[in-house]
């Protein structure tokens, strides 16, 4: 296979090629290491590349393949967002405030290794995953979008999204506390599913941001995300949240037709006053029309959102402060220091408790929508992709409103905990990706995967590649 095609074919296809002997784990790993070395200086998607360990793991994987051993991701390289532990490396969480290497792998990394994956490196994010509209930090600099180097890849999983979009790895672990899987997926033309709260273990953390955060991945295709999630899903000892197992494997859902669904469409953001760009609205309307053509019942719906920011912000700020526990504050950006002071205040902790206590009532308030509809269709982001370095030196007060607008369609579903996915929906006038969001019922990733796969078949997106990714 042509090396560029191999780099972009995704982890499902790569696993098949490795099993069939059409490529080797060592060749695939070397291909990605070469692409990282060539492209990362311009994109800054990786803050650590595990060259020697990855080569050693690839050799071990290839020996197992030669011996007939089979595992879901045996020999397939993956990247890890720098919010979780990889043994022997510092978990920086986007900052330069830590210096103690992790004693062991986190649960998600352990499961990926158990499935045979080759962990090739760690990806960049803003400090403590604080913002969704830009990906930069004093320690690691600015991460850029492969579709346009002057634009943001979104965040906080911006490094993961840039790495996959540029063909530097086939899949990358990501996390989502307010939109941090879905927003960068939208920015970079990828599929990104935030799973049900508790679907993927966060251990060694029992939970994060009072339950707002879920772990998942960003990939080029629905099938790739389904494979990744099948590998990493399931509770571990110590988890704060546990959910019923899915009715069938996610890969099976992604390969199945969804049947005729009831789909509600809303262009209303959960944060009042957020302006919604007309191209964003048009992308939703085109997707709604496509779904009608496929036989689904699609109609507009009014959603009675509560005031989101008083519910979301205390858990977000307290969570950021928890993530920064033990960090050298002097190495952090001034705006991060401001956020930490707020997050550690008594007032925020009181409001955090009220937010947690209010969750059941809010879920009851939104429940009638999902009594009527199987899936909601909304924008993922409200506005066009901004410039990569526009907020590098902004204060916390100046940065926060822009960040809030950027999660106006995504953060509410972190609060309720149910699954939601960003699905590519073409490209805008400047050649930048557009996206829509699908929101499902509790514990129903199955329907989202099957519906997203139907959209992908009708409107393929994975074949388009950024020019930078083809540059020799």
Protein backbone atom coordinates (compact mmCIF):
# COMPACT_ATOMS: atom_id res chain seq x y z
CA UNK A 1 0.00 0.00 0.00
CA UNK A 2 1.12 3.56 -0.70
CA UNK A 3 2.65 4.95 2.52
CA UNK A 4 0.30 7.93 2.66
CA UNK A 5 -2.72 5.67 2.12
CA UNK A 6 -1.45 3.40 4.89
CA UNK A 7 -1.02 6.35 7.25
CA UNK A 8 -4.61 7.48 6.63
CA UNK A 9 -6.47 4.18 6.37
CA UNK A 10 -7.39 4.08 10.08
CA UNK A 11 -6.83 1.63 12.91
CA UNK A 12 -9.49 -0.87 11.83
CA UNK A 13 -7.95 -1.31 8.39
CA UNK A 14 -4.42 -1.26 9.81
CA UNK A 15 -5.29 -4.07 12.22
CA UNK A 16 -6.62 -6.09 9.27
CA UNK A 17 -3.51 -5.45 7.17
CA UNK A 18 -1.28 -6.51 10.05
CA UNK A 19 -3.25 -9.72 10.63
CA UNK A 20 -3.11 -10.52 6.90
CA UNK A 21 0.63 -9.88 6.69
CA UNK A 22 0.23 -7.04 4.18
CA UNK A 23 2.31 -4.75 6.37
CA UNK A 24 4.28 -5.14 9.58
CA UNK A 25 4.06 -3.49 12.97
CA UNK A 26 7.63 -2.26 12.62
CA UNK A 27 6.99 -0.73 9.18
CA UNK A 28 3.79 0.96 10.35
CA UNK A 29 5.46 2.37 13.46
CA UNK A 30 8.44 3.65 11.43
CA UNK A 31 6.04 5.28 8.97
CA UNK A 32 4.36 7.20 11.75
CA UNK A 33 7.63 8.12 13.48
CA UNK A 34 8.87 9.56 10.19
CA UNK A 35 5.66 11.53 9.67
CA UNK A 36 5.78 12.85 13.24
CA UNK A 37 9.39 13.95 12.80
CA UNK A 38 8.50 15.76 9.57
CA UNK A 39 5.12 17.28 10.44
CA UNK A 40 5.14 17.86 14.19
CA UNK A 41 7.54 20.86 14.07
CA UNK A 42 4.83 22.72 12.11
CA UNK A 43 1.78 21.38 13.95
CA UNK A 44 3.00 20.81 17.52
CA UNK A 45 0.54 17.96 18.07
CA UNK A 46 2.90 15.80 20.16
CA UNK A 47 4.73 16.92 23.29
CA UNK A 48 6.45 13.55 23.71
CA UNK A 49 7.34 10.86 21.18
CA UNK A 50 8.33 7.43 22.51
CA UNK A 51 10.64 6.44 19.66
CA UNK A 52 12.69 3.65 21.25
CA UNK A 53 9.85 2.17 23.36
CA UNK A 54 7.52 2.26 20.36
CA UNK A 55 10.07 0.49 18.18
CA UNK A 56 10.59 -2.14 20.85
CA UNK A 57 6.82 -2.64 21.28
CA UNK A 58 6.38 -2.88 17.51
CA UNK A 59 9.02 -5.61 17.30
CA UNK A 60 7.29 -7.53 20.09
CA UNK A 61 3.92 -7.10 18.37
CA UNK A 62 5.29 -8.33 15.05
CA UNK A 63 6.79 -11.40 16.67
CA UNK A 64 3.37 -12.20 18.15
CA UNK A 65 1.68 -11.65 14.79
CA UNK A 66 4.18 -14.01 13.16
CA UNK A 67 3.36 -16.60 15.82
CA UNK A 68 -0.35 -16.35 15.05
CA UNK A 69 -1.35 -14.35 18.15
CA UNK A 70 -4.46 -12.24 17.61
CA UNK A 71 -5.56 -9.15 19.52
CA UNK A 72 -7.80 -6.26 18.40
CA UNK A 73 -5.02 -3.66 17.98
CA UNK A 74 -1.92 -5.84 17.83
CA UNK A 75 0.84 -3.73 16.28
CA UNK A 76 -1.34 -0.64 15.70
CA UNK A 77 0.17 2.69 16.87
CA UNK A 78 -2.00 5.01 19.00
CA UNK A 79 -1.38 8.31 20.79
CA UNK A 80 -2.36 9.31 24.33
CA UNK A 81 -3.57 12.75 25.38
CA UNK A 82 -1.29 14.10 28.11
CA UNK A 83 -4.00 14.01 30.78
CA UNK A 84 -3.47 10.42 31.86
CA UNK A 85 -0.55 8.27 32.95
CA UNK A 86 1.92 6.46 30.73
CA UNK A 87 4.42 4.64 32.92
CA UNK A 88 7.80 6.34 33.20
CA UNK A 89 6.66 9.66 31.75
CA UNK A 90 5.43 12.87 33.37
CA UNK A 91 1.69 13.49 33.12
CA UNK A 92 1.87 17.22 32.48
CA UNK A 93 -1.84 17.88 31.77
CA UNK A 94 -0.75 20.56 29.33
CA UNK A 95 1.45 22.32 31.88
CA UNK A 96 5.08 22.44 32.90
CA UNK A 97 4.17 22.30 36.56
CA UNK A 98 4.98 18.63 37.23
CA UNK A 99 8.22 16.67 37.11
CA UNK A 100 7.47 13.26 38.69
CA UNK A 101 7.12 10.39 36.18
CA UNK A 102 4.07 8.16 36.50
CA UNK A 103 4.73 4.89 38.32
CA UNK A 104 2.36 2.94 36.08
CA UNK A 105 -0.05 3.13 33.19
CA UNK A 106 -3.56 4.47 33.62
CA UNK A 107 -6.39 1.99 33.04
CA UNK A 108 -7.10 3.20 29.51
CA UNK A 109 -3.44 2.87 28.52
CA UNK A 110 -3.25 -0.56 30.14
CA UNK A 111 -6.23 -1.74 28.11
CA UNK A 112 -4.80 -0.38 24.89
CA UNK A 113 -1.52 -2.19 25.52
CA UNK A 114 -3.42 -5.35 26.44
CA UNK A 115 -5.12 -5.13 23.04
CA UNK A 116 -1.69 -4.97 21.41
CA UNK A 117 -1.51 -1.25 20.61
CA UNK A 118 1.84 0.50 20.27
CA UNK A 119 1.80 3.71 22.33
CA UNK A 120 3.74 6.12 20.14
CA UNK A 121 3.55 9.38 22.09
CA UNK A 122 1.55 11.93 24.07
CA UNK A 123 -0.41 14.81 22.60
CA UNK A 124 -0.71 18.48 23.51
CA UNK A 125 -3.52 20.37 25.21
CA UNK A 126 -4.05 23.75 26.89
CA UNK A 127 -3.12 23.89 30.56
CA UNK A 128 -5.36 21.54 32.57
CA UNK A 129 -7.72 21.20 29.58
CA UNK A 130 -9.17 24.59 30.46
CA UNK A 131 -10.40 25.84 27.08
CA UNK A 132 -12.02 24.44 23.93
CA UNK A 133 -11.22 27.15 21.38
CA UNK A 134 -7.41 27.13 21.39
CA UNK A 135 -4.63 24.67 22.18
CA UNK A 136 -1.54 26.33 23.60
CA UNK A 137 0.40 26.67 26.84
CA UNK A 138 3.57 28.41 28.05
CA UNK A 139 5.33 25.05 28.29
CA UNK A 140 4.37 23.51 24.94
CA UNK A 141 3.54 26.46 22.67
CA UNK A 142 0.79 26.69 20.06
CA UNK A 143 -0.77 23.66 18.39
CA UNK A 144 -2.06 24.25 14.86
CA UNK A 145 -4.78 22.87 12.62
CA UNK A 146 -3.56 20.71 9.71
CA UNK A 147 -6.27 22.17 7.46
CA UNK A 148 -4.88 25.69 7.96
CA UNK A 149 -1.78 26.34 10.03
CA UNK A 150 -2.99 29.73 11.23
CA UNK A 151 -6.16 28.17 12.71
CA UNK A 152 -6.83 26.40 15.97
CA UNK A 153 -7.36 22.62 16.03
CA UNK A 154 -9.82 23.12 18.87
CA UNK A 155 -9.27 21.83 22.37
CA UNK A 156 -8.69 20.53 24.80
CA UNK A 157 -7.87 17.39 22.77
CA UNK A 158 -6.35 19.60 20.08
CA UNK A 159 -3.07 17.73 19.83
CA UNK A 160 -4.87 14.41 19.46
CA UNK A 161 -7.11 15.81 16.71
CA UNK A 162 -4.25 17.48 14.83
CA UNK A 163 -2.20 14.28 14.99
CA UNK A 164 -4.98 12.12 13.52
CA UNK A 165 -6.05 14.69 10.91
CA UNK A 166 -2.47 15.01 9.66
CA UNK A 167 -1.92 11.26 9.44
CA UNK A 168 0.66 11.14 12.24
CA UNK A 169 -1.30 8.36 13.96
CA UNK A 170 -4.48 6.45 13.17
CA UNK A 171 -6.30 7.13 16.46
CA UNK A 172 -5.63 9.19 19.55
CA UNK A 173 -7.06 8.98 23.04
CA UNK A 174 -9.01 12.09 24.00
CA UNK A 175 -11.02 13.37 26.95
CA UNK A 176 -14.13 15.53 27.11
CA UNK A 177 -15.23 17.69 30.06
CA UNK A 178 -17.24 20.28 28.13
CA UNK A 179 -16.67 19.43 24.48
CA UNK A 180 -13.00 18.48 24.37
CA UNK A 181 -13.49 15.44 22.13
CA UNK A 182 -16.25 16.89 19.97
CA UNK A 183 -14.90 20.41 19.45
CA UNK A 184 -11.45 19.41 18.12
CA UNK A 185 -13.07 16.67 16.04
CA UNK A 186 -15.25 19.39 14.51
CA UNK A 187 -12.26 21.66 13.90
CA UNK A 188 -10.20 18.93 12.25
CA UNK A 189 -12.75 17.01 10.16
CA UNK A 190 -12.82 13.93 12.38
CA UNK A 191 -15.37 11.75 14.14
CA UNK A 192 -15.44 12.23 17.90
CA UNK A 193 -17.77 10.47 20.32
CA UNK A 194 -18.02 11.45 23.97
CA UNK A 195 -19.16 8.19 25.54
CA UNK A 196 -21.66 7.82 28.33
CA UNK A 197 -20.28 8.99 31.67
CA UNK A 198 -18.61 5.99 33.28
CA UNK A 199 -18.31 4.01 30.04
CA UNK A 200 -14.50 4.25 30.04
CA UNK A 201 -12.56 4.09 33.29
CA UNK A 202 -10.60 7.18 34.32
CA UNK A 203 -8.51 5.27 36.86
CA UNK A 204 -6.26 6.02 38.67
CA UNK A 205 -8.78 8.85 39.09
CA UNK A 206 -12.19 7.71 40.34
CA UNK A 207 -13.79 10.61 38.46
CA UNK A 208 -12.79 14.04 37.15
CA UNK A 209 -14.44 17.45 37.30
CA UNK A 210 -17.22 16.01 39.50
CA UNK A 211 -18.26 13.63 36.75
CA UNK A 212 -18.12 15.99 33.77
CA UNK A 213 -15.20 14.22 32.08
CA UNK A 214 -15.37 11.14 29.88
CA UNK A 215 -12.51 9.40 28.06
CA UNK A 216 -12.73 8.40 24.41
CA UNK A 217 -10.85 9.05 21.18
CA UNK A 218 -10.74 10.99 17.91
CA UNK A 219 -10.52 9.05 14.65
CA UNK A 220 -11.05 9.44 10.92
CA UNK A 221 -14.01 7.04 10.80
CA UNK A 222 -16.92 5.80 12.88
CA UNK A 223 -15.65 2.21 12.66
CA UNK A 224 -12.28 3.24 14.07
CA UNK A 225 -13.87 4.89 17.10
CA UNK A 226 -16.08 1.85 17.65
CA UNK A 227 -13.05 -0.46 17.65
CA UNK A 228 -11.16 1.82 20.05
CA UNK A 229 -14.11 2.00 22.44
CA UNK A 230 -14.66 -1.75 22.38
CA UNK A 231 -11.07 -2.12 23.58
CA UNK A 232 -11.15 0.45 26.38
CA UNK A 233 -14.77 0.36 27.64
CA UNK A 234 -15.76 -1.12 30.97
CA UNK A 235 -15.50 -0.28 34.64
CA UNK A 236 -12.43 -0.82 36.79
CA UNK A 237 -12.07 -1.17 40.52
CA UNK A 238 -12.35 2.25 42.15
CA UNK A 239 -14.45 3.94 39.48
CA UNK A 240 -17.00 6.43 40.84
CA UNK A 241 -19.44 5.79 37.98
CA UNK A 242 -20.51 2.43 36.57
CA UNK A 243 -22.94 1.94 33.72
CA UNK A 244 -24.61 -1.13 32.21
CA UNK A 245 -22.57 -2.78 29.46
CA UNK A 246 -23.69 -2.09 25.88
CA UNK A 247 -26.21 -4.50 24.34
CA UNK A 248 -23.71 -5.43 21.63
CA UNK A 249 -20.14 -4.53 20.66
CA UNK A 250 -19.72 -0.99 19.39
CA UNK A 251 -18.09 -2.31 16.20
CA UNK A 252 -21.26 -4.25 15.49
CA UNK A 253 -23.36 -1.11 16.03
CA UNK A 254 -21.16 0.87 13.65
CA UNK A 255 -21.63 -1.82 10.99
CA UNK A 256 -25.43 -1.91 11.37
CA UNK A 257 -28.20 0.22 9.88
CA UNK A 258 -29.98 2.34 12.50
CA UNK A 259 -33.55 1.66 11.42
CA UNK A 260 -36.07 4.49 11.20
CA UNK A 261 -35.36 6.99 13.96
CA UNK A 262 -37.12 10.01 15.42
CA UNK A 263 -34.66 12.90 15.26
CA UNK A 264 -35.17 16.30 16.84
CA UNK A 265 -33.30 19.28 15.39
CA UNK A 266 -32.33 22.34 17.41
CA UNK A 267 -30.20 25.37 16.59
CA UNK A 268 -30.65 26.80 20.08
CA UNK A 269 -27.42 26.98 22.14
CA UNK A 270 -27.53 26.00 25.81
CA UNK A 271 -25.71 29.25 26.68
CA UNK A 272 -28.00 32.22 25.92
CA UNK A 273 -26.61 34.98 23.76
CA UNK A 274 -24.21 32.76 21.82
CA UNK A 275 -24.26 33.87 18.16
CA UNK A 276 -24.63 30.94 15.75
CA UNK A 277 -22.96 31.37 12.36
CA UNK A 278 -25.17 30.89 9.30
CA UNK A 279 -22.79 28.34 7.76
CA UNK A 280 -23.09 26.30 10.95
CA UNK A 281 -26.88 26.45 10.69
CA UNK A 282 -26.74 25.44 7.03
CA UNK A 283 -24.61 22.40 7.89
CA UNK A 284 -27.27 21.24 10.36
CA UNK A 285 -30.08 21.81 7.86
CA UNK A 286 -28.23 19.86 5.14
CA UNK A 287 -27.72 16.98 7.54
CA UNK A 288 -31.39 17.07 8.56
CA UNK A 289 -32.36 16.88 4.88
CA UNK A 290 -30.02 13.92 4.36
CA UNK A 291 -31.57 12.10 7.30
CA UNK A 292 -35.07 12.68 5.94
CA UNK A 293 -33.94 11.19 2.63
CA UNK A 294 -32.92 8.08 4.56
CA UNK A 295 -36.42 7.67 5.95
CA UNK A 296 -36.00 9.14 9.44
CA UNK A 297 -38.65 11.32 11.04
CA UNK A 298 -36.86 14.67 11.41
CA UNK A 299 -38.50 17.72 12.95
CA UNK A 300 -37.58 20.86 14.85
CA UNK A 301 -37.67 20.66 18.62
CA UNK A 302 -37.61 23.28 21.37
CA UNK A 303 -35.28 22.41 24.24
CA UNK A 304 -35.93 23.92 27.67
CA UNK A 305 -32.36 24.36 28.87
CA UNK A 306 -31.73 25.61 32.40
CA UNK A 307 -29.10 28.30 32.91
CA UNK A 308 -26.02 26.22 32.19
CA UNK A 309 -23.06 28.29 33.35
CA UNK A 310 -24.05 28.37 37.07
CA UNK A 311 -24.27 24.57 36.90
CA UNK A 312 -21.19 23.93 34.79
CA UNK A 313 -18.63 26.53 35.88
CA UNK A 314 -18.24 25.52 39.56
CA UNK A 315 -17.50 21.90 38.64
CA UNK A 316 -15.18 23.02 35.86
CA UNK A 317 -13.22 25.46 38.05
CA UNK A 318 -12.99 23.09 41.00
CA UNK A 319 -11.92 20.32 38.64
CA UNK A 320 -9.14 22.41 37.13
CA UNK A 321 -7.93 23.25 40.63
CA UNK A 322 -7.93 19.55 41.55
CA UNK A 323 -5.93 18.72 38.39
CA UNK A 324 -3.34 21.32 39.35
CA UNK A 325 -2.83 19.94 42.85
CA UNK A 326 0.92 19.66 43.45
CA UNK A 327 1.90 21.70 40.39
CA UNK A 328 4.50 24.47 40.50
CA UNK A 329 2.16 27.43 40.09
CA UNK A 330 5.00 29.73 39.02
CA UNK A 331 5.35 27.73 35.79
CA UNK A 332 1.72 28.26 34.81
CA UNK A 333 0.11 30.98 32.72
CA UNK A 334 -1.30 33.94 34.63
CA UNK A 335 -4.83 33.12 33.50
CA UNK A 336 -4.39 29.58 34.82
CA UNK A 337 -3.30 30.95 38.18
CA UNK A 338 -6.47 33.07 38.25
CA UNK A 339 -8.60 30.00 37.49
CA UNK A 340 -6.90 28.07 40.29
CA UNK A 341 -7.59 30.79 42.84
CA UNK A 342 -11.24 30.77 41.85
CA UNK A 343 -11.44 26.96 41.82
CA UNK A 344 -10.01 26.72 45.34
CA UNK A 345 -12.36 29.31 46.82
CA UNK A 346 -15.04 28.40 49.32
CA UNK A 347 -17.71 30.00 47.16
CA UNK A 348 -16.92 27.75 44.19
CA UNK A 349 -16.95 24.65 46.38
CA UNK A 350 -20.38 25.58 47.74
CA UNK A 351 -21.66 26.11 44.19
CA UNK A 352 -20.05 22.84 43.10
CA UNK A 353 -22.14 21.02 45.70
CA UNK A 354 -25.30 22.74 44.51
CA UNK A 355 -24.51 21.79 40.93
CA UNK A 356 -24.14 18.14 41.87
CA UNK A 357 -27.36 18.24 43.89
CA UNK A 358 -29.24 19.80 40.95
CA UNK A 359 -28.24 17.22 38.37
CA UNK A 360 -31.16 14.82 38.86
CA UNK A 361 -33.68 17.67 38.54
CA UNK A 362 -32.01 18.90 35.34
CA UNK A 363 -32.02 15.42 33.86
CA UNK A 364 -35.74 15.15 34.62
CA UNK A 365 -36.27 18.49 32.92
CA UNK A 366 -34.64 17.32 29.69
CA UNK A 367 -36.11 13.79 29.77
CA UNK A 368 -39.30 14.61 27.79
CA UNK A 369 -37.15 15.43 24.75
CA UNK A 370 -35.74 11.90 24.75
CA UNK A 371 -39.15 10.40 25.41
CA UNK A 372 -40.13 11.80 22.02
CA UNK A 373 -36.85 11.57 20.09
CA UNK A 374 -34.18 8.89 19.71
CA UNK A 375 -31.48 11.41 18.79
CA UNK A 376 -30.99 15.17 18.84
CA UNK A 377 -29.20 16.96 15.98
CA UNK A 378 -27.49 20.28 16.76
CA UNK A 379 -24.36 22.18 15.74
CA UNK A 380 -21.14 21.08 17.42
CA UNK A 381 -19.61 24.56 17.49
CA UNK A 382 -21.43 27.83 16.98
CA UNK A 383 -18.84 29.82 15.10
CA UNK A 384 -16.07 29.41 12.51
CA UNK A 385 -12.67 28.14 13.59
CA UNK A 386 -10.55 30.88 15.17
CA UNK A 387 -6.86 31.66 14.87
CA UNK A 388 -4.41 29.37 16.63
CA UNK A 389 -2.53 31.99 18.62
CA UNK A 390 -5.25 34.61 19.11
CA UNK A 391 -5.65 33.95 22.86
CA UNK A 392 -2.08 33.04 23.76
CA UNK A 393 -1.58 36.01 26.09
CA UNK A 394 -5.19 36.79 27.04
CA UNK A 395 -6.30 37.03 30.64
CA UNK A 396 -8.72 34.55 32.18
CA UNK A 397 -11.53 37.12 32.18
CA UNK A 398 -10.98 37.92 28.48
CA UNK A 399 -10.62 34.28 27.44
CA UNK A 400 -13.57 32.80 29.31
CA UNK A 401 -16.48 34.29 27.30
CA UNK A 402 -15.02 33.10 24.00
CA UNK A 403 -14.47 29.67 25.50
CA UNK A 404 -18.03 29.57 26.83
CA UNK A 405 -19.43 30.38 23.39
CA UNK A 406 -17.34 27.55 21.94
CA UNK A 407 -18.98 24.93 24.18
CA UNK A 408 -22.49 26.34 23.96
CA UNK A 409 -23.77 23.21 22.19
CA UNK A 410 -21.57 20.61 23.87
CA UNK A 411 -21.12 21.27 27.60
CA UNK A 412 -24.72 20.61 28.63
CA UNK A 413 -24.34 16.94 27.69
CA UNK A 414 -21.32 16.63 29.97
CA UNK A 415 -23.55 17.83 32.77
CA UNK A 416 -26.24 15.24 32.00
CA UNK A 417 -23.61 12.58 31.24
CA UNK A 418 -25.22 11.09 28.15
CA UNK A 419 -23.35 10.23 24.93
CA UNK A 420 -22.84 12.80 22.17
CA UNK A 421 -20.82 12.77 18.96
CA UNK A 422 -19.43 15.27 16.47
CA UNK A 423 -19.87 14.17 12.86
CA UNK A 424 -18.17 15.86 9.89
CA UNK A 425 -20.55 17.71 7.58
CA UNK A 426 -18.37 18.98 4.76
CA UNK A 427 -16.19 22.05 4.42
CA UNK A 428 -16.83 25.78 4.49
CA UNK A 429 -15.83 28.49 2.06
CA UNK A 430 -12.27 28.68 3.38
CA UNK A 431 -11.77 24.93 3.11
CA UNK A 432 -12.18 24.43 6.85
CA UNK A 433 -14.22 21.54 8.26
CA UNK A 434 -17.84 21.84 9.35
CA UNK A 435 -19.57 19.49 11.77
CA UNK A 436 -22.86 18.61 13.44
CA UNK A 437 -23.56 17.01 16.79
CA UNK A 438 -25.68 13.94 17.54
CA UNK A 439 -26.89 13.46 21.13
CA UNK A 440 -28.30 10.15 22.31
CA UNK A 441 -30.24 8.79 25.23
CA UNK A 442 -28.47 7.53 28.33
CA UNK A 443 -26.23 4.53 27.59
CA UNK A 444 -27.12 4.60 23.89
CA UNK A 445 -23.84 5.01 22.06
CA UNK A 446 -25.19 2.20 19.86
CA UNK A 447 -27.71 4.42 18.05
CA UNK A 448 -25.23 7.26 17.65
CA UNK A 449 -22.64 4.96 16.08
CA UNK A 450 -25.07 3.36 13.66
CA UNK A 451 -26.59 6.72 12.65
CA UNK A 452 -23.18 8.38 12.26
CA UNK A 453 -22.01 5.45 10.14
CA UNK A 454 -25.07 5.88 7.91
CA UNK A 455 -24.16 9.56 7.45
CA UNK A 456 -20.56 8.59 6.71
CA UNK A 457 -21.64 6.18 3.96
CA UNK A 458 -23.95 8.77 2.41
CA UNK A 459 -21.47 11.64 2.74
CA UNK A 460 -17.94 10.19 3.02
CA UNK A 461 -15.42 12.42 4.71
CA UNK A 462 -12.31 10.35 5.49
CA UNK A 463 -10.95 10.52 1.96
CA UNK A 464 -10.12 14.22 2.17
CA UNK A 465 -6.68 14.97 3.54
CA UNK A 466 -5.01 18.24 4.51
CA UNK A 467 -2.40 19.44 2.05
CA UNK A 468 0.25 19.54 4.78
CA UNK A 469 -0.25 15.81 5.34
CA UNK A 470 0.67 15.09 1.71
CA UNK A 471 3.75 17.35 1.68
CA UNK A 472 6.98 15.43 1.13
